[in-house]
């Protein structure tokens, strides 16, 4: 598989620029009453514009 078609090795926990966490390690955030999320990843590099 070529980079033009995507490389599965660059997905998931191997994705460059991302730090992955387990759902058990993340406290839920309440966005609205009764609506919560658990962010499982966050960018570690600033987005280039």
PDB file of N, CA and C in Angstrom:
ATOM      1  N   UNK A   1       0.846  -1.171   0.000  1.00  0.00           N
ATOM      2  CA  UNK A   1       0.000   0.000   0.000  1.00  0.00           C
ATOM      3  C   UNK A   1       0.892   1.234   0.000  1.00  0.00           C
ATOM      4  N   UNK A   2       0.541   2.228  -0.795  1.00  0.00           N
ATOM      5  CA  UNK A   2       1.354   3.432  -0.897  1.00  0.00           C
ATOM      6  C   UNK A   2       0.801   4.530  -0.004  1.00  0.00           C
ATOM      7  N   UNK A   3       1.607   5.548   0.214  1.00  0.00           N
ATOM      8  CA  UNK A   3       1.172   6.673   1.037  1.00  0.00           C
ATOM      9  C   UNK A   3      -0.025   7.381   0.411  1.00  0.00           C
ATOM     10  N   UNK A   4      -0.116   7.358  -0.928  1.00  0.00           N
ATOM     11  CA  UNK A   4      -1.237   8.007  -1.603  1.00  0.00           C
ATOM     12  C   UNK A   4      -2.562   7.340  -1.254  1.00  0.00           C
ATOM     13  N   UNK A   5      -2.532   6.057  -0.953  1.00  0.00           N
ATOM     14  CA  UNK A   5      -3.751   5.336  -0.616  1.00  0.00           C
ATOM     15  C   UNK A   5      -3.919   5.158   0.885  1.00  0.00           C
ATOM     16  N   UNK A   6      -3.020   5.687   1.671  1.00  0.00           N
ATOM     17  CA  UNK A   6      -3.098   5.562   3.121  1.00  0.00           C
ATOM     18  C   UNK A   6      -2.308   4.368   3.615  1.00  0.00           C
ATOM     19  N   UNK A   7      -1.713   4.519   4.754  1.00  0.00           N
ATOM     20  CA  UNK A   7      -0.901   3.470   5.355  1.00  0.00           C
ATOM     21  C   UNK A   7      -1.543   3.069   6.675  1.00  0.00           C
ATOM     22  N   UNK A   8      -2.072   1.860   6.781  1.00  0.00           N
ATOM     23  CA  UNK A   8      -2.736   1.449   8.019  1.00  0.00           C
ATOM     24  C   UNK A   8      -1.833   1.534   9.243  1.00  0.00           C
ATOM     25  N   UNK A   9      -0.516   1.462   9.053  1.00  0.00           N
ATOM     26  CA  UNK A   9       0.407   1.555  10.187  1.00  0.00           C
ATOM     27  C   UNK A   9       0.409   2.954  10.795  1.00  0.00           C
ATOM     28  N   UNK A  10      -0.107   3.949  10.063  1.00  0.00           N
ATOM     29  CA  UNK A  10      -0.142   5.324  10.557  1.00  0.00           C
ATOM     30  C   UNK A  10      -1.473   5.663  11.217  1.00  0.00           C
ATOM     31  N   UNK A  11      -2.329   4.684  11.419  1.00  0.00           N
ATOM     32  CA  UNK A  11      -3.625   4.893  12.054  1.00  0.00           C
ATOM     33  C   UNK A  11      -3.581   4.401  13.498  1.00  0.00           C
ATOM     34  N   UNK A  12      -4.623   4.712  14.239  1.00  0.00           N
ATOM     35  CA  UNK A  12      -4.710   4.231  15.616  1.00  0.00           C
ATOM     36  C   UNK A  12      -3.606   4.795  16.484  1.00  0.00           C
ATOM     37  N   UNK A  13      -3.089   4.017  17.421  1.00  0.00           N
ATOM     38  CA  UNK A  13      -2.079   4.532  18.342  1.00  0.00           C
ATOM     39  C   UNK A  13      -0.761   4.881  17.672  1.00  0.00           C
ATOM     40  N   UNK A  14      -0.588   4.489  16.414  1.00  0.00           N
ATOM     41  CA  UNK A  14       0.643   4.810  15.691  1.00  0.00           C
ATOM     42  C   UNK A  14       0.556   6.125  14.923  1.00  0.00           C
ATOM     43  N   UNK A  15      -0.590   6.801  14.964  1.00  0.00           N
ATOM     44  CA  UNK A  15      -0.765   8.034  14.202  1.00  0.00           C
ATOM     45  C   UNK A  15       0.186   9.109  14.710  1.00  0.00           C
ATOM     46  N   UNK A  16       1.008   9.662  13.822  1.00  0.00           N
ATOM     47  CA  UNK A  16       1.954  10.683  14.263  1.00  0.00           C
ATOM     48  C   UNK A  16       1.231  11.952  14.705  1.00  0.00           C
ATOM     49  N   UNK A  17       1.693  12.548  15.791  1.00  0.00           N
ATOM     50  CA  UNK A  17       1.119  13.802  16.264  1.00  0.00           C
ATOM     51  C   UNK A  17      -0.053  13.655  17.204  1.00  0.00           C
ATOM     52  N   UNK A  18      -0.409  12.433  17.593  1.00  0.00           N
ATOM     53  CA  UNK A  18      -1.539  12.225  18.493  1.00  0.00           C
ATOM     54  C   UNK A  18      -1.118  11.408  19.703  1.00  0.00           C
ATOM     55  N   UNK A  19      -1.690  11.731  20.843  1.00  0.00           N
ATOM     56  CA  UNK A  19      -1.471  10.958  22.068  1.00  0.00           C
ATOM     57  C   UNK A  19      -2.775  10.236  22.383  1.00  0.00           C
ATOM     58  N   UNK A  20      -2.735   8.925  22.487  1.00  0.00           N
ATOM     59  CA  UNK A  20      -3.935   8.128  22.706  1.00  0.00           C
ATOM     60  C   UNK A  20      -4.084   7.754  24.164  1.00  0.00           C
ATOM     61  N   UNK A  21      -5.345   7.638  24.611  1.00  0.00           N
ATOM     62  CA  UNK A  21      -5.648   7.255  25.978  1.00  0.00           C
ATOM     63  C   UNK A  21      -6.731   6.196  25.971  1.00  0.00           C
ATOM     64  N   UNK A  22      -6.805   5.450  27.041  1.00  0.00           N
ATOM     65  CA  UNK A  22      -7.867   4.466  27.221  1.00  0.00           C
ATOM     66  C   UNK A  22      -9.083   5.168  27.816  1.00  0.00           C
ATOM     67  N   UNK A  23     -10.285   4.715  27.477  1.00  0.00           N
ATOM     68  CA  UNK A  23     -11.503   5.309  28.030  1.00  0.00           C
ATOM     69  C   UNK A  23     -11.523   5.219  29.551  1.00  0.00           C
ATOM     70  N   UNK A  24     -10.901   4.195  30.109  1.00  0.00           N
ATOM     71  CA  UNK A  24     -10.858   4.040  31.566  1.00  0.00           C
ATOM     72  C   UNK A  24      -9.982   5.107  32.222  1.00  0.00           C
ATOM     73  N   UNK A  25      -9.079   5.727  31.455  1.00  0.00           N
ATOM     74  CA  UNK A  25      -8.170   6.740  31.991  1.00  0.00           C
ATOM     75  C   UNK A  25      -8.708   8.160  31.874  1.00  0.00           C
ATOM     76  N   UNK A  26      -9.874   8.335  31.252  1.00  0.00           N
ATOM     77  CA  UNK A  26     -10.386   9.669  30.952  1.00  0.00           C
ATOM     78  C   UNK A  26     -11.672   9.928  31.728  1.00  0.00           C
ATOM     79  N   UNK A  27     -11.691  11.045  32.446  1.00  0.00           N
ATOM     80  CA  UNK A  27     -12.921  11.448  33.127  1.00  0.00           C
ATOM     81  C   UNK A  27     -13.877  12.062  32.110  1.00  0.00           C
ATOM     82  N   UNK A  28     -15.166  11.760  32.218  1.00  0.00           N
ATOM     83  CA  UNK A  28     -16.127  12.348  31.283  1.00  0.00           C
ATOM     84  C   UNK A  28     -16.272  13.852  31.521  1.00  0.00           C
ATOM     85  N   UNK A  29     -16.537  14.576  30.445  1.00  0.00           N
ATOM     86  CA  UNK A  29     -16.777  16.017  30.497  1.00  0.00           C
ATOM     87  C   UNK A  29     -18.250  16.240  30.185  1.00  0.00           C
ATOM     88  N   UNK A  30     -18.944  16.985  31.038  1.00  0.00           N
ATOM     89  CA  UNK A  30     -20.364  17.255  30.797  1.00  0.00           C
ATOM     90  C   UNK A  30     -20.487  18.512  29.939  1.00  0.00           C
ATOM     91  N   UNK A  31     -20.932  18.342  28.690  1.00  0.00           N
ATOM     92  CA  UNK A  31     -21.122  19.472  27.784  1.00  0.00           C
ATOM     93  C   UNK A  31     -22.382  20.244  28.126  1.00  0.00           C
ATOM     94  N   UNK A  32     -23.464  19.501  28.324  1.00  0.00           N
ATOM     95  CA  UNK A  32     -24.764  20.032  28.686  1.00  0.00           C
ATOM     96  C   UNK A  32     -25.344  19.098  29.724  1.00  0.00           C
ATOM     97  N   UNK A  33     -26.347  19.530  30.476  1.00  0.00           N
ATOM     98  CA  UNK A  33     -26.953  18.612  31.444  1.00  0.00           C
ATOM     99  C   UNK A  33     -27.405  17.315  30.764  1.00  0.00           C
ATOM    100  N   UNK A  34     -26.845  16.203  31.201  1.00  0.00           N
ATOM    101  CA  UNK A  34     -27.198  14.900  30.654  1.00  0.00           C
ATOM    102  C   UNK A  34     -26.397  14.483  29.429  1.00  0.00           C
ATOM    103  N   UNK A  35     -25.511  15.358  28.924  1.00  0.00           N
ATOM    104  CA  UNK A  35     -24.701  15.041  27.744  1.00  0.00           C
ATOM    105  C   UNK A  35     -23.232  15.087  28.146  1.00  0.00           C
ATOM    106  N   UNK A  36     -22.571  13.921  28.113  1.00  0.00           N
ATOM    107  CA  UNK A  36     -21.156  13.860  28.474  1.00  0.00           C
ATOM    108  C   UNK A  36     -20.345  13.269  27.326  1.00  0.00           C
ATOM    109  N   UNK A  37     -19.077  13.616  27.298  1.00  0.00           N
ATOM    110  CA  UNK A  37     -18.146  13.046  26.325  1.00  0.00           C
ATOM    111  C   UNK A  37     -16.893  12.593  27.059  1.00  0.00           C
ATOM    112  N   UNK A  38     -16.144  11.715  26.420  1.00  0.00           N
ATOM    113  CA  UNK A  38     -14.842  11.299  26.912  1.00  0.00           C
ATOM    114  C   UNK A  38     -13.856  11.444  25.761  1.00  0.00           C
ATOM    115  N   UNK A  39     -13.077  12.532  25.731  1.00  0.00           N
ATOM    116  CA  UNK A  39     -12.111  12.698  24.645  1.00  0.00           C
ATOM    117  C   UNK A  39     -11.010  11.656  24.756  1.00  0.00           C
ATOM    118  N   UNK A  40     -10.897  10.806  23.751  1.00  0.00           N
ATOM    119  CA  UNK A  40      -9.936   9.707  23.799  1.00  0.00           C
ATOM    120  C   UNK A  40      -8.609  10.048  23.147  1.00  0.00           C
ATOM    121  N   UNK A  41      -8.531  11.137  22.403  1.00  0.00           N
ATOM    122  CA  UNK A  41      -7.259  11.539  21.812  1.00  0.00           C
ATOM    123  C   UNK A  41      -7.207  13.044  21.750  1.00  0.00           C
ATOM    124  N   UNK A  42      -5.997  13.561  21.672  1.00  0.00           N
ATOM    125  CA  UNK A  42      -5.809  14.994  21.505  1.00  0.00           C
ATOM    126  C   UNK A  42      -4.575  15.214  20.641  1.00  0.00           C
ATOM    127  N   UNK A  43      -4.600  16.280  19.877  1.00  0.00           N
ATOM    128  CA  UNK A  43      -3.456  16.596  19.025  1.00  0.00           C
ATOM    129  C   UNK A  43      -2.305  17.086  19.888  1.00  0.00           C
ATOM    130  N   UNK A  44      -1.108  16.626  19.593  1.00  0.00           N
ATOM    131  CA  UNK A  44       0.068  17.078  20.327  1.00  0.00           C
ATOM    132  C   UNK A  44       0.868  18.090  19.524  1.00  0.00           C
ATOM    133  N   UNK A  45       0.486  18.299  18.275  1.00  0.00           N
ATOM    134  CA  UNK A  45       1.159  19.280  17.423  1.00  0.00           C
ATOM    135  C   UNK A  45       0.138  20.331  17.007  1.00  0.00           C
ATOM    136  N   UNK A  46       0.587  21.566  16.853  1.00  0.00           N
ATOM    137  CA  UNK A  46      -0.310  22.623  16.400  1.00  0.00           C
ATOM    138  C   UNK A  46      -0.698  22.379  14.946  1.00  0.00           C
ATOM    139  N   UNK A  47      -1.946  22.696  14.630  1.00  0.00           N
ATOM    140  CA  UNK A  47      -2.418  22.546  13.258  1.00  0.00           C
ATOM    141  C   UNK A  47      -1.748  23.596  12.381  1.00  0.00           C
ATOM    142  N   UNK A  48      -1.256  23.175  11.234  1.00  0.00           N
ATOM    143  CA  UNK A  48      -0.619  24.102  10.298  1.00  0.00           C
ATOM    144  C   UNK A  48      -1.672  24.652   9.361  1.00  0.00           C
ATOM    145  N   UNK A  49      -1.671  25.961   9.195  1.00  0.00           N
ATOM    146  CA  UNK A  49      -2.637  26.597   8.294  1.00  0.00           C
ATOM    147  C   UNK A  49      -1.955  27.101   7.070  1.00  0.00           C
TER     148      UNK A  49
END
